[in-house]
Amino acid sequence: MQASINIDLISGDGERVGGSIFSLSYLFFSEERYCCSEEPCEDTFRTEAETEAHWFEVHGESTLPETGVGAEAYAHSYRSCYINIPIVSTDAKSDQSTQASRRVGSIHVSAYLEDLGVLTKKHALLKESMYLADAEKRAKQVESDFAEYRQQQRKVPESKLREEIAALKGSVAELEKQKMVQERACEIAETNVEKMKFQLEQMAKEVKDEKKKHEARVVDELEKLRVKYIAREEKYVLDGDRDELRAIKKQLDDLKGINFRGASGAYDTESYLVQELDRLISITRANIEHQSS
């Protein structure tokens, strides 16, 4: 059991107005204060330096205590603590013997609990030993609380704990199974993605090849049309030239028939008409040879 005290709050006329139960096990000393060594003086300070400055300012002509040496004699060391105490009012009901408690506020108390004496080396060692004792006390209290907690946990039936462990193991197994299913689904999805990627690349390659074939066919068809058109054009030109040659030959034959110079049938090469016909024949032959080449 933890040691505790019951603090009653008494009004000015002596009537109890509230109270609080406070555990001494958790009464931790929060800080250290310094009090002036001069007997009538009640000033307190946070550091030795502040106490020394106060001494020279207020008690400069006083005689230092014989128990101290140097600056250590200017101050006494006190351990202090701050306590936040809730105020609980107990309201007695008229029709019942029980009392109802309700919290009406809290008070903040600052108390100097121990005078460690003048700050000599001996008292400094004593102070450290007391701090160590407090730390050990708190550690023991924590160990005691933990042991009590473990004892309470042991009161739970072992069968119930086994059921909880089995349920947790089942949950873990189910989660692992779901994890495996999800991993398998991810692997299948990745495989399908790779297959679709490969098929897409194949289709793109086939489309590219088909496009090249189509372009080649179009070029071939255009070349055939061009050759065919050129052949038709040459045929038209050649047919026209043949007709023209036939007309020229007919004219020559006609000229041979009306030649009156000799019985041999030869015509006069110096005639203007004959020269013009020869020129036309030469031009026509040159055109035919050029188109044929």
C-alpha atoms as a PDB file:
ATOM      1  CA  MET A   1       0.000   0.000   0.000  1.00  0.00           C
ATOM      2  CA  GLN A   2       1.174   3.507  -0.767  1.00  0.00           C
ATOM      3  CA  ALA A   3       1.493   5.997   2.094  1.00  0.00           C
ATOM      4  CA  SER A   4      -0.879   8.933   1.748  1.00  0.00           C
ATOM      5  CA  ILE A   5      -2.169  11.878   3.754  1.00  0.00           C
ATOM      6  CA  ASN A   6      -5.600  13.440   3.927  1.00  0.00           C
ATOM      7  CA  ILE A   7      -5.461  17.245   3.737  1.00  0.00           C
ATOM      8  CA  ASP A   8      -8.527  19.065   5.092  1.00  0.00           C
ATOM      9  CA  LEU A   9      -9.364  22.639   4.125  1.00  0.00           C
ATOM     10  CA  ILE A  10     -10.781  24.610   7.071  1.00  0.00           C
ATOM     11  CA  SER A  11     -12.519  27.982   6.745  1.00  0.00           C
ATOM     12  CA  GLY A  12     -11.926  30.957   9.063  1.00  0.00           C
ATOM     13  CA  ASP A  13     -14.758  29.966  11.407  1.00  0.00           C
ATOM     14  CA  GLY A  14     -13.388  26.445  11.787  1.00  0.00           C
ATOM     15  CA  GLU A  15     -15.779  24.703   9.378  1.00  0.00           C
ATOM     16  CA  ARG A  16     -14.397  22.056   7.036  1.00  0.00           C
ATOM     17  CA  VAL A  17     -15.069  23.045   3.437  1.00  0.00           C
ATOM     18  CA  GLY A  18     -13.190  20.346   1.538  1.00  0.00           C
ATOM     19  CA  GLY A  19     -10.246  18.018   1.453  1.00  0.00           C
ATOM     20  CA  SER A  20      -7.900  15.923  -0.665  1.00  0.00           C
ATOM     21  CA  ILE A  21      -5.982  12.660  -0.354  1.00  0.00           C
ATOM     22  CA  PHE A  22      -2.368  13.046  -1.463  1.00  0.00           C
ATOM     23  CA  SER A  23       0.100  10.164  -2.069  1.00  0.00           C
ATOM     24  CA  LEU A  24       3.486  10.710  -0.422  1.00  0.00           C
ATOM     25  CA  SER A  25       5.143   8.253  -2.811  1.00  0.00           C
ATOM     26  CA  TYR A  26       4.884  10.770  -5.632  1.00  0.00           C
ATOM     27  CA  LEU A  27       5.922  13.816  -3.594  1.00  0.00           C
ATOM     28  CA  PHE A  28       8.984  14.711  -5.646  1.00  0.00           C
ATOM     29  CA  PHE A  29      11.285  17.556  -4.615  1.00  0.00           C
ATOM     30  CA  SER A  30      11.250  19.784  -7.656  1.00  0.00           C
ATOM     31  CA  GLU A  31      14.034  22.290  -6.989  1.00  0.00           C
ATOM     32  CA  GLU A  32      16.531  23.699  -4.510  1.00  0.00           C
ATOM     33  CA  ARG A  33      16.344  27.170  -2.964  1.00  0.00           C
ATOM     34  CA  TYR A  34      18.785  29.228  -0.900  1.00  0.00           C
ATOM     35  CA  CYS A  35      17.853  31.176   2.200  1.00  0.00           C
ATOM     36  CA  CYS A  36      19.890  33.973   3.799  1.00  0.00           C
ATOM     37  CA  SER A  37      22.034  32.773   6.737  1.00  0.00           C
ATOM     38  CA  GLU A  38      21.179  35.833   8.832  1.00  0.00           C
ATOM     39  CA  GLU A  39      18.738  34.665  11.491  1.00  0.00           C
ATOM     40  CA  PRO A  40      16.047  37.383  11.232  1.00  0.00           C
ATOM     41  CA  CYS A  41      16.161  37.447   7.391  1.00  0.00           C
ATOM     42  CA  GLU A  42      13.582  35.328   5.538  1.00  0.00           C
ATOM     43  CA  ASP A  43      14.507  36.178   1.922  1.00  0.00           C
ATOM     44  CA  THR A  44      15.013  33.241  -0.447  1.00  0.00           C
ATOM     45  CA  PHE A  45      16.980  33.071  -3.696  1.00  0.00           C
ATOM     46  CA  ARG A  46      17.511  30.703  -6.583  1.00  0.00           C
ATOM     47  CA  THR A  47      21.329  30.770  -6.670  1.00  0.00           C
ATOM     48  CA  GLU A  48      24.247  31.178  -4.255  1.00  0.00           C
ATOM     49  CA  ALA A  49      25.391  34.258  -6.164  1.00  0.00           C
ATOM     50  CA  GLU A  50      22.069  36.009  -5.547  1.00  0.00           C
ATOM     51  CA  THR A  51      22.308  35.155  -1.845  1.00  0.00           C
ATOM     52  CA  GLU A  52      25.881  36.471  -1.608  1.00  0.00           C
ATOM     53  CA  ALA A  53      24.924  39.733  -3.354  1.00  0.00           C
ATOM     54  CA  HIS A  54      21.981  40.115  -0.984  1.00  0.00           C
ATOM     55  CA  TRP A  55      24.286  39.587   2.024  1.00  0.00           C
ATOM     56  CA  PHE A  56      26.710  42.345   1.030  1.00  0.00           C
ATOM     57  CA  GLU A  57      23.851  44.714   0.155  1.00  0.00           C
ATOM     58  CA  VAL A  58      21.714  44.216   3.276  1.00  0.00           C
ATOM     59  CA  HIS A  59      23.911  42.572   5.921  1.00  0.00           C
ATOM     60  CA  GLY A  60      27.352  43.836   4.961  1.00  0.00           C
ATOM     61  CA  GLU A  61      28.305  44.819   8.536  1.00  0.00           C
ATOM     62  CA  SER A  62      27.067  41.587  10.116  1.00  0.00           C
ATOM     63  CA  THR A  63      29.336  38.815  11.320  1.00  0.00           C
ATOM     64  CA  LEU A  64      29.286  35.595   9.330  1.00  0.00           C
ATOM     65  CA  PRO A  65      28.396  32.388  11.160  1.00  0.00           C
ATOM     66  CA  GLU A  66      31.408  30.549  12.504  1.00  0.00           C
ATOM     67  CA  THR A  67      30.243  27.290  10.908  1.00  0.00           C
ATOM     68  CA  GLY A  68      30.841  28.530   7.379  1.00  0.00           C
ATOM     69  CA  VAL A  69      33.950  29.257   5.395  1.00  0.00           C
ATOM     70  CA  GLY A  70      33.951  31.968   2.741  1.00  0.00           C
ATOM     71  CA  ALA A  71      30.986  32.300   0.399  1.00  0.00           C
ATOM     72  CA  GLU A  72      29.439  29.046   1.669  1.00  0.00           C
ATOM     73  CA  ALA A  73      28.371  30.806   4.867  1.00  0.00           C
ATOM     74  CA  TYR A  74      26.118  33.333   3.148  1.00  0.00           C
ATOM     75  CA  ALA A  75      23.198  30.937   2.555  1.00  0.00           C
ATOM     76  CA  HIS A  76      21.347  27.915   3.808  1.00  0.00           C
ATOM     77  CA  SER A  77      20.180  25.354   1.250  1.00  0.00           C
ATOM     78  CA  TYR A  78      16.545  24.221   1.300  1.00  0.00           C
ATOM     79  CA  ARG A  79      14.755  21.561  -0.680  1.00  0.00           C
ATOM     80  CA  SER A  80      11.389  22.714  -1.915  1.00  0.00           C
ATOM     81  CA  CYS A  81       8.470  21.281  -3.829  1.00  0.00           C
ATOM     82  CA  TYR A  82       5.301  22.461  -5.505  1.00  0.00           C
ATOM     83  CA  ILE A  83       2.046  20.602  -4.943  1.00  0.00           C
ATOM     84  CA  ASN A  84      -1.187  21.065  -6.894  1.00  0.00           C
ATOM     85  CA  ILE A  85      -3.957  19.983  -4.496  1.00  0.00           C
ATOM     86  CA  PRO A  86      -7.534  19.543  -5.790  1.00  0.00           C
ATOM     87  CA  ILE A  87     -10.315  20.904  -3.560  1.00  0.00           C
ATOM     88  CA  VAL A  88     -13.118  18.357  -3.135  1.00  0.00           C
ATOM     89  CA  SER A  89     -16.332  19.371  -1.406  1.00  0.00           C
ATOM     90  CA  THR A  90     -18.362  16.684   0.353  1.00  0.00           C
ATOM     91  CA  ASP A  91     -22.105  17.371   0.200  1.00  0.00           C
ATOM     92  CA  ALA A  92     -24.221  15.301   2.597  1.00  0.00           C
ATOM     93  CA  LYS A  93     -27.708  14.437   1.356  1.00  0.00           C
ATOM     94  CA  SER A  94     -30.588  14.718   3.809  1.00  0.00           C
ATOM     95  CA  ASP A  95     -32.276  11.476   2.836  1.00  0.00           C
ATOM     96  CA  GLN A  96     -29.124   9.379   2.650  1.00  0.00           C
ATOM     97  CA  SER A  97     -26.231   8.596   4.941  1.00  0.00           C
ATOM     98  CA  THR A  98     -23.723   8.728   2.093  1.00  0.00           C
ATOM     99  CA  GLN A  99     -21.854  11.850   1.061  1.00  0.00           C
ATOM    100  CA  ALA A 100     -21.363  13.022  -2.543  1.00  0.00           C
ATOM    101  CA  SER A 101     -17.970  14.456  -3.477  1.00  0.00           C
ATOM    102  CA  ARG A 102     -17.385  17.052  -6.159  1.00  0.00           C
ATOM    103  CA  ARG A 103     -14.339  19.021  -7.172  1.00  0.00           C
ATOM    104  CA  VAL A 104     -14.682  22.764  -6.685  1.00  0.00           C
ATOM    105  CA  GLY A 105     -11.149  23.918  -7.562  1.00  0.00           C
ATOM    106  CA  SER A 106      -7.475  23.481  -6.672  1.00  0.00           C
ATOM    107  CA  ILE A 107      -4.678  25.238  -4.797  1.00  0.00           C
ATOM    108  CA  HIS A 108      -0.977  25.536  -5.596  1.00  0.00           C
ATOM    109  CA  VAL A 109       1.284  25.104  -2.554  1.00  0.00           C
ATOM    110  CA  SER A 110       5.005  25.895  -2.440  1.00  0.00           C
ATOM    111  CA  ALA A 111       6.747  24.430   0.620  1.00  0.00           C
ATOM    112  CA  TYR A 112      10.307  24.433   1.949  1.00  0.00           C
ATOM    113  CA  LEU A 113      10.543  20.979   3.393  1.00  0.00           C
ATOM    114  CA  GLU A 114      14.108  20.543   4.635  1.00  0.00           C
ATOM    115  CA  ASP A 115      16.922  22.808   5.764  1.00  0.00           C
ATOM    116  CA  LEU A 116      20.179  21.293   4.568  1.00  0.00           C
ATOM    117  CA  GLY A 117      22.231  23.749   6.589  1.00  0.00           C
ATOM    118  CA  VAL A 118      25.116  25.968   5.592  1.00  0.00           C
ATOM    119  CA  LEU A 119      26.648  24.997   2.247  1.00  0.00           C
ATOM    120  CA  THR A 120      29.770  23.208   3.403  1.00  0.00           C
ATOM    121  CA  LYS A 121      31.308  20.279   1.590  1.00  0.00           C
ATOM    122  CA  LYS A 122      29.825  17.931   4.155  1.00  0.00           C
ATOM    123  CA  HIS A 123      26.336  19.237   3.532  1.00  0.00           C
ATOM    124  CA  ALA A 124      26.886  19.136  -0.222  1.00  0.00           C
ATOM    125  CA  LEU A 125      27.685  15.435   0.060  1.00  0.00           C
ATOM    126  CA  LEU A 126      24.648  14.998   2.273  1.00  0.00           C
ATOM    127  CA  LYS A 127      22.508  16.746  -0.311  1.00  0.00           C
ATOM    128  CA  GLU A 128      23.747  14.448  -3.075  1.00  0.00           C
ATOM    129  CA  SER A 129      23.126  11.373  -0.943  1.00  0.00           C
ATOM    130  CA  MET A 130      19.583  12.543  -0.225  1.00  0.00           C
ATOM    131  CA  TYR A 131      18.954  13.101  -3.928  1.00  0.00           C
ATOM    132  CA  LEU A 132      20.239   9.581  -4.581  1.00  0.00           C
ATOM    133  CA  ALA A 133      17.964   8.193  -1.881  1.00  0.00           C
ATOM    134  CA  ASP A 134      14.976   9.946  -3.437  1.00  0.00           C
ATOM    135  CA  ALA A 135      15.855   8.520  -6.848  1.00  0.00           C
ATOM    136  CA  GLU A 136      16.135   5.018  -5.415  1.00  0.00           C
ATOM    137  CA  LYS A 137      12.815   5.450  -3.647  1.00  0.00           C
ATOM    138  CA  ARG A 138      11.109   6.505  -6.855  1.00  0.00           C
ATOM    139  CA  ALA A 139      12.716   3.595  -8.739  1.00  0.00           C
ATOM    140  CA  LYS A 140      11.468   1.141  -6.117  1.00  0.00           C
ATOM    141  CA  GLN A 141       8.008   2.651  -6.326  1.00  0.00           C
ATOM    142  CA  VAL A 142       7.966   2.210 -10.099  1.00  0.00           C
ATOM    143  CA  GLU A 143       9.142  -1.386  -9.724  1.00  0.00           C
ATOM    144  CA  SER A 144       6.430  -1.997  -7.143  1.00  0.00           C
ATOM    145  CA  ASP A 145       3.755  -0.547  -9.413  1.00  0.00           C
ATOM    146  CA  PHE A 146       4.990  -2.642 -12.322  1.00  0.00           C
ATOM    147  CA  ALA A 147       5.007  -5.790 -10.190  1.00  0.00           C
ATOM    148  CA  GLU A 148       1.452  -5.029  -9.090  1.00  0.00           C
ATOM    149  CA  TYR A 149       0.425  -4.573 -12.718  1.00  0.00           C
ATOM    150  CA  ARG A 150       1.986  -7.895 -13.679  1.00  0.00           C
ATOM    151  CA  GLN A 151       0.210  -9.571 -10.783  1.00  0.00           C
ATOM    152  CA  GLN A 152      -3.110  -8.193 -11.986  1.00  0.00           C
ATOM    153  CA  GLN A 153      -2.390  -9.447 -15.487  1.00  0.00           C
ATOM    154  CA  ARG A 154      -1.664 -12.908 -14.135  1.00  0.00           C
ATOM    155  CA  LYS A 155      -5.156 -13.061 -12.689  1.00  0.00           C
ATOM    156  CA  VAL A 156      -6.574 -13.275 -16.205  1.00  0.00           C
ATOM    157  CA  PRO A 157      -7.405 -16.932 -16.995  1.00  0.00           C
ATOM    158  CA  GLU A 158      -4.732 -18.646 -19.065  1.00  0.00           C
ATOM    159  CA  SER A 159      -7.360 -20.167 -21.355  1.00  0.00           C
ATOM    160  CA  LYS A 160      -8.591 -16.707 -22.276  1.00  0.00           C
ATOM    161  CA  LEU A 161      -5.056 -15.594 -23.075  1.00  0.00           C
ATOM    162  CA  ARG A 162      -4.569 -18.681 -25.236  1.00  0.00           C
ATOM    163  CA  GLU A 163      -7.786 -17.877 -27.086  1.00  0.00           C
ATOM    164  CA  GLU A 164      -6.589 -14.345 -27.725  1.00  0.00           C
ATOM    165  CA  ILE A 165      -3.202 -15.617 -28.936  1.00  0.00           C
ATOM    166  CA  ALA A 166      -4.900 -18.133 -31.249  1.00  0.00           C
ATOM    167  CA  ALA A 167      -7.179 -15.411 -32.617  1.00  0.00           C
ATOM    168  CA  LEU A 168      -4.202 -13.160 -33.264  1.00  0.00           C
ATOM    169  CA  LYS A 169      -2.331 -15.988 -34.995  1.00  0.00           C
ATOM    170  CA  GLY A 170      -5.379 -16.629 -37.161  1.00  0.00           C
ATOM    171  CA  SER A 171      -5.541 -12.963 -38.092  1.00  0.00           C
ATOM    172  CA  VAL A 172      -1.841 -12.991 -38.979  1.00  0.00           C
ATOM    173  CA  ALA A 173      -2.279 -16.108 -41.140  1.00  0.00           C
ATOM    174  CA  GLU A 174      -5.258 -14.561 -42.941  1.00  0.00           C
ATOM    175  CA  LEU A 175      -3.314 -11.376 -43.600  1.00  0.00           C
ATOM    176  CA  GLU A 176      -0.356 -13.366 -44.946  1.00  0.00           C
ATOM    177  CA  LYS A 177      -2.714 -15.302 -47.232  1.00  0.00           C
ATOM    178  CA  GLN A 178      -4.227 -12.068 -48.545  1.00  0.00           C
ATOM    179  CA  LYS A 179      -0.727 -10.719 -49.068  1.00  0.00           C
ATOM    180  CA  MET A 180       0.238 -13.786 -51.143  1.00  0.00           C
ATOM    181  CA  VAL A 181      -2.934 -13.449 -53.242  1.00  0.00           C
ATOM    182  CA  GLN A 182      -2.214  -9.787 -53.888  1.00  0.00           C
ATOM    183  CA  GLU A 183       1.402 -10.533 -54.815  1.00  0.00           C
ATOM    184  CA  ARG A 184       0.266 -13.273 -57.237  1.00  0.00           C
ATOM    185  CA  ALA A 185      -2.268 -10.909 -58.799  1.00  0.00           C
ATOM    186  CA  CYS A 186       0.443  -8.290 -59.223  1.00  0.00           C
ATOM    187  CA  GLU A 187       2.740 -10.834 -60.906  1.00  0.00           C
ATOM    188  CA  ILE A 188      -0.024 -11.881 -63.329  1.00  0.00           C
ATOM    189  CA  ALA A 189      -0.803  -8.255 -64.105  1.00  0.00           C
ATOM    190  CA  GLU A 190       2.870  -7.532 -64.794  1.00  0.00           C
ATOM    191  CA  THR A 191       3.080 -10.580 -67.103  1.00  0.00           C
ATOM    192  CA  ASN A 192      -0.022  -9.457 -69.011  1.00  0.00           C
ATOM    193  CA  VAL A 193       1.419  -5.983 -69.367  1.00  0.00           C
ATOM    194  CA  GLU A 194       4.643  -7.415 -70.829  1.00  0.00           C
ATOM    195  CA  LYS A 195       2.652  -9.578 -73.278  1.00  0.00           C
ATOM    196  CA  MET A 196       0.513  -6.650 -74.384  1.00  0.00           C
ATOM    197  CA  LYS A 197       3.633  -4.532 -74.782  1.00  0.00           C
ATOM    198  CA  PHE A 198       5.244  -7.212 -77.003  1.00  0.00           C
ATOM    199  CA  GLN A 199       2.051  -7.569 -79.082  1.00  0.00           C
ATOM    200  CA  LEU A 200       1.854  -3.819 -79.488  1.00  0.00           C
ATOM    201  CA  GLU A 201       5.451  -3.705 -80.721  1.00  0.00           C
ATOM    202  CA  GLN A 202       4.717  -6.530 -83.199  1.00  0.00           C
ATOM    203  CA  MET A 203       1.612  -4.754 -84.496  1.00  0.00           C
ATOM    204  CA  ALA A 204       3.544  -1.517 -84.878  1.00  0.00           C
ATOM    205  CA  LYS A 205       6.237  -3.371 -86.857  1.00  0.00           C
ATOM    206  CA  GLU A 206       3.625  -5.042 -89.092  1.00  0.00           C
ATOM    207  CA  VAL A 207       1.907  -1.712 -89.723  1.00  0.00           C
ATOM    208  CA  LYS A 208       5.250  -0.164 -90.634  1.00  0.00           C
ATOM    209  CA  ASP A 209       6.085  -3.027 -93.041  1.00  0.00           C
ATOM    210  CA  GLU A 210       2.632  -2.874 -94.612  1.00  0.00           C
ATOM    211  CA  LYS A 211       3.006   0.863 -95.057  1.00  0.00           C
ATOM    212  CA  LYS A 212       6.331   0.357 -96.852  1.00  0.00           C
ATOM    213  CA  LYS A 213       4.786  -2.301 -99.124  1.00  0.00           C
ATOM    214  CA  HIS A 214       1.861  -0.034 -99.915  1.00  0.00           C
ATOM    215  CA  GLU A 215       4.179   2.844-100.743  1.00  0.00           C
ATOM    216  CA  ALA A 216       6.237   0.535-103.002  1.00  0.00           C
ATOM    217  CA  ARG A 217       3.084  -0.606-104.814  1.00  0.00           C
ATOM    218  CA  VAL A 218       1.957   2.968-105.287  1.00  0.00           C
ATOM    219  CA  VAL A 219       5.375   3.961-106.672  1.00  0.00           C
ATOM    220  CA  ASP A 220       5.347   0.939-109.013  1.00  0.00           C
ATOM    221  CA  GLU A 221       1.851   1.770-110.255  1.00  0.00           C
ATOM    222  CA  LEU A 222       2.850   5.378-110.843  1.00  0.00           C
ATOM    223  CA  GLU A 223       5.945   4.245-112.753  1.00  0.00           C
ATOM    224  CA  LYS A 224       3.843   1.932-114.910  1.00  0.00           C
ATOM    225  CA  LEU A 225       1.390   4.727-115.628  1.00  0.00           C
ATOM    226  CA  ARG A 226       4.261   7.050-116.506  1.00  0.00           C
ATOM    227  CA  VAL A 227       5.814   4.506-118.913  1.00  0.00           C
ATOM    228  CA  LYS A 228       2.428   3.771-120.444  1.00  0.00           C
ATOM    229  CA  TYR A 229       1.729   7.440-120.931  1.00  0.00           C
ATOM    230  CA  ILE A 230       5.150   8.002-122.507  1.00  0.00           C
ATOM    231  CA  ALA A 231       4.606   4.998-124.823  1.00  0.00           C
ATOM    232  CA  ARG A 232       1.240   6.331-125.885  1.00  0.00           C
ATOM    233  CA  GLU A 233       2.706   9.748-126.476  1.00  0.00           C
ATOM    234  CA  GLU A 234       5.587   8.301-128.543  1.00  0.00           C
ATOM    235  CA  LYS A 235       3.186   6.161-130.531  1.00  0.00           C
ATOM    236  CA  TYR A 236       1.072   9.187-131.265  1.00  0.00           C
ATOM    237  CA  VAL A 237       4.118  11.142-132.401  1.00  0.00           C
ATOM    238  CA  LEU A 238       5.461   8.253-134.480  1.00  0.00           C
ATOM    239  CA  ASP A 239       2.093   7.705-136.124  1.00  0.00           C
ATOM    240  CA  GLY A 240       1.965  11.378-136.980  1.00  0.00           C
ATOM    241  CA  ASP A 241       5.509  11.297-138.394  1.00  0.00           C
ATOM    242  CA  ARG A 242       4.722   8.234-140.540  1.00  0.00           C
ATOM    243  CA  ASP A 243       1.731   9.975-141.994  1.00  0.00           C
ATOM    244  CA  GLU A 244       3.883  12.964-142.762  1.00  0.00           C
ATOM    245  CA  LEU A 245       6.552  10.757-144.403  1.00  0.00           C
ATOM    246  CA  ARG A 246       3.935   9.060-146.509  1.00  0.00           C
ATOM    247  CA  ALA A 247       2.704  12.450-147.645  1.00  0.00           C
ATOM    248  CA  ILE A 248       6.246  13.519-148.524  1.00  0.00           C
ATOM    249  CA  LYS A 249       6.876  10.251-150.397  1.00  0.00           C
ATOM    250  CA  LYS A 250       3.676  10.736-152.313  1.00  0.00           C
ATOM    251  CA  GLN A 251       4.760  14.212-153.246  1.00  0.00           C
ATOM    252  CA  LEU A 252       8.118  12.866-154.441  1.00  0.00           C
ATOM    253  CA  ASP A 253       6.412  10.195-156.480  1.00  0.00           C
ATOM    254  CA  ASP A 254       4.209  12.853-157.970  1.00  0.00           C
ATOM    255  CA  LEU A 255       7.248  14.937-158.792  1.00  0.00           C
ATOM    256  CA  LYS A 256       8.890  11.965-160.435  1.00  0.00           C
ATOM    257  CA  GLY A 257       5.859  11.484-162.590  1.00  0.00           C
ATOM    258  CA  ILE A 258       5.881  15.060-163.910  1.00  0.00           C
ATOM    259  CA  ASN A 259       9.668  15.323-164.448  1.00  0.00           C
ATOM    260  CA  PHE A 260      10.283  16.374-168.018  1.00  0.00           C
ATOM    261  CA  ARG A 261      14.129  16.223-167.954  1.00  0.00           C
ATOM    262  CA  GLY A 262      15.272  13.012-169.517  1.00  0.00           C
ATOM    263  CA  ALA A 263      13.807   9.601-169.938  1.00  0.00           C
ATOM    264  CA  SER A 264      15.607   8.169-166.918  1.00  0.00           C
ATOM    265  CA  GLY A 265      12.904   9.454-164.538  1.00  0.00           C
ATOM    266  CA  ALA A 266      15.360  11.458-162.335  1.00  0.00           C
ATOM    267  CA  TYR A 267      14.273  14.784-160.918  1.00  0.00           C
ATOM    268  CA  ASP A 268      16.179  18.029-160.686  1.00  0.00           C
ATOM    269  CA  THR A 269      18.010  18.208-157.306  1.00  0.00           C
ATOM    270  CA  GLU A 270      18.506  21.929-157.670  1.00  0.00           C
ATOM    271  CA  SER A 271      14.792  22.554-157.756  1.00  0.00           C
ATOM    272  CA  TYR A 272      13.511  24.620-154.816  1.00  0.00           C
ATOM    273  CA  LEU A 273      10.682  22.204-154.182  1.00  0.00           C
ATOM    274  CA  VAL A 274      13.029  19.197-154.070  1.00  0.00           C
ATOM    275  CA  GLN A 275      15.403  20.961-151.667  1.00  0.00           C
ATOM    276  CA  GLU A 276      12.530  21.895-149.356  1.00  0.00           C
ATOM    277  CA  LEU A 277      11.277  18.322-149.324  1.00  0.00           C
ATOM    278  CA  ASP A 278      14.765  16.998-148.482  1.00  0.00           C
ATOM    279  CA  ARG A 279      14.979  19.474-145.592  1.00  0.00           C
ATOM    280  CA  LEU A 280      11.639  18.331-144.199  1.00  0.00           C
ATOM    281  CA  ILE A 281      12.673  14.664-144.485  1.00  0.00           C
ATOM    282  CA  SER A 282      15.928  15.336-142.596  1.00  0.00           C
ATOM    283  CA  ILE A 283      14.113  17.159-139.788  1.00  0.00           C
ATOM    284  CA  THR A 284      11.553  14.368-139.462  1.00  0.00           C
ATOM    285  CA  ARG A 285      14.220  11.643-139.310  1.00  0.00           C
ATOM    286  CA  ALA A 286      16.148  13.596-136.672  1.00  0.00           C
ATOM    287  CA  ASN A 287      13.003  13.890-134.528  1.00  0.00           C
ATOM    288  CA  ILE A 288      12.328  10.161-134.834  1.00  0.00           C
ATOM    289  CA  GLU A 289      15.895   9.229-133.854  1.00  0.00           C
ATOM    290  CA  HIS A 290      15.823  11.621-130.866  1.00  0.00           C
ATOM    291  CA  GLN A 291      12.534  10.217-129.554  1.00  0.00           C
ATOM    292  CA  SER A 292      13.700   6.646-130.075  1.00  0.00           C
ATOM    293  CA  SER A 293      16.886   7.257-128.075  1.00  0.00           C
END
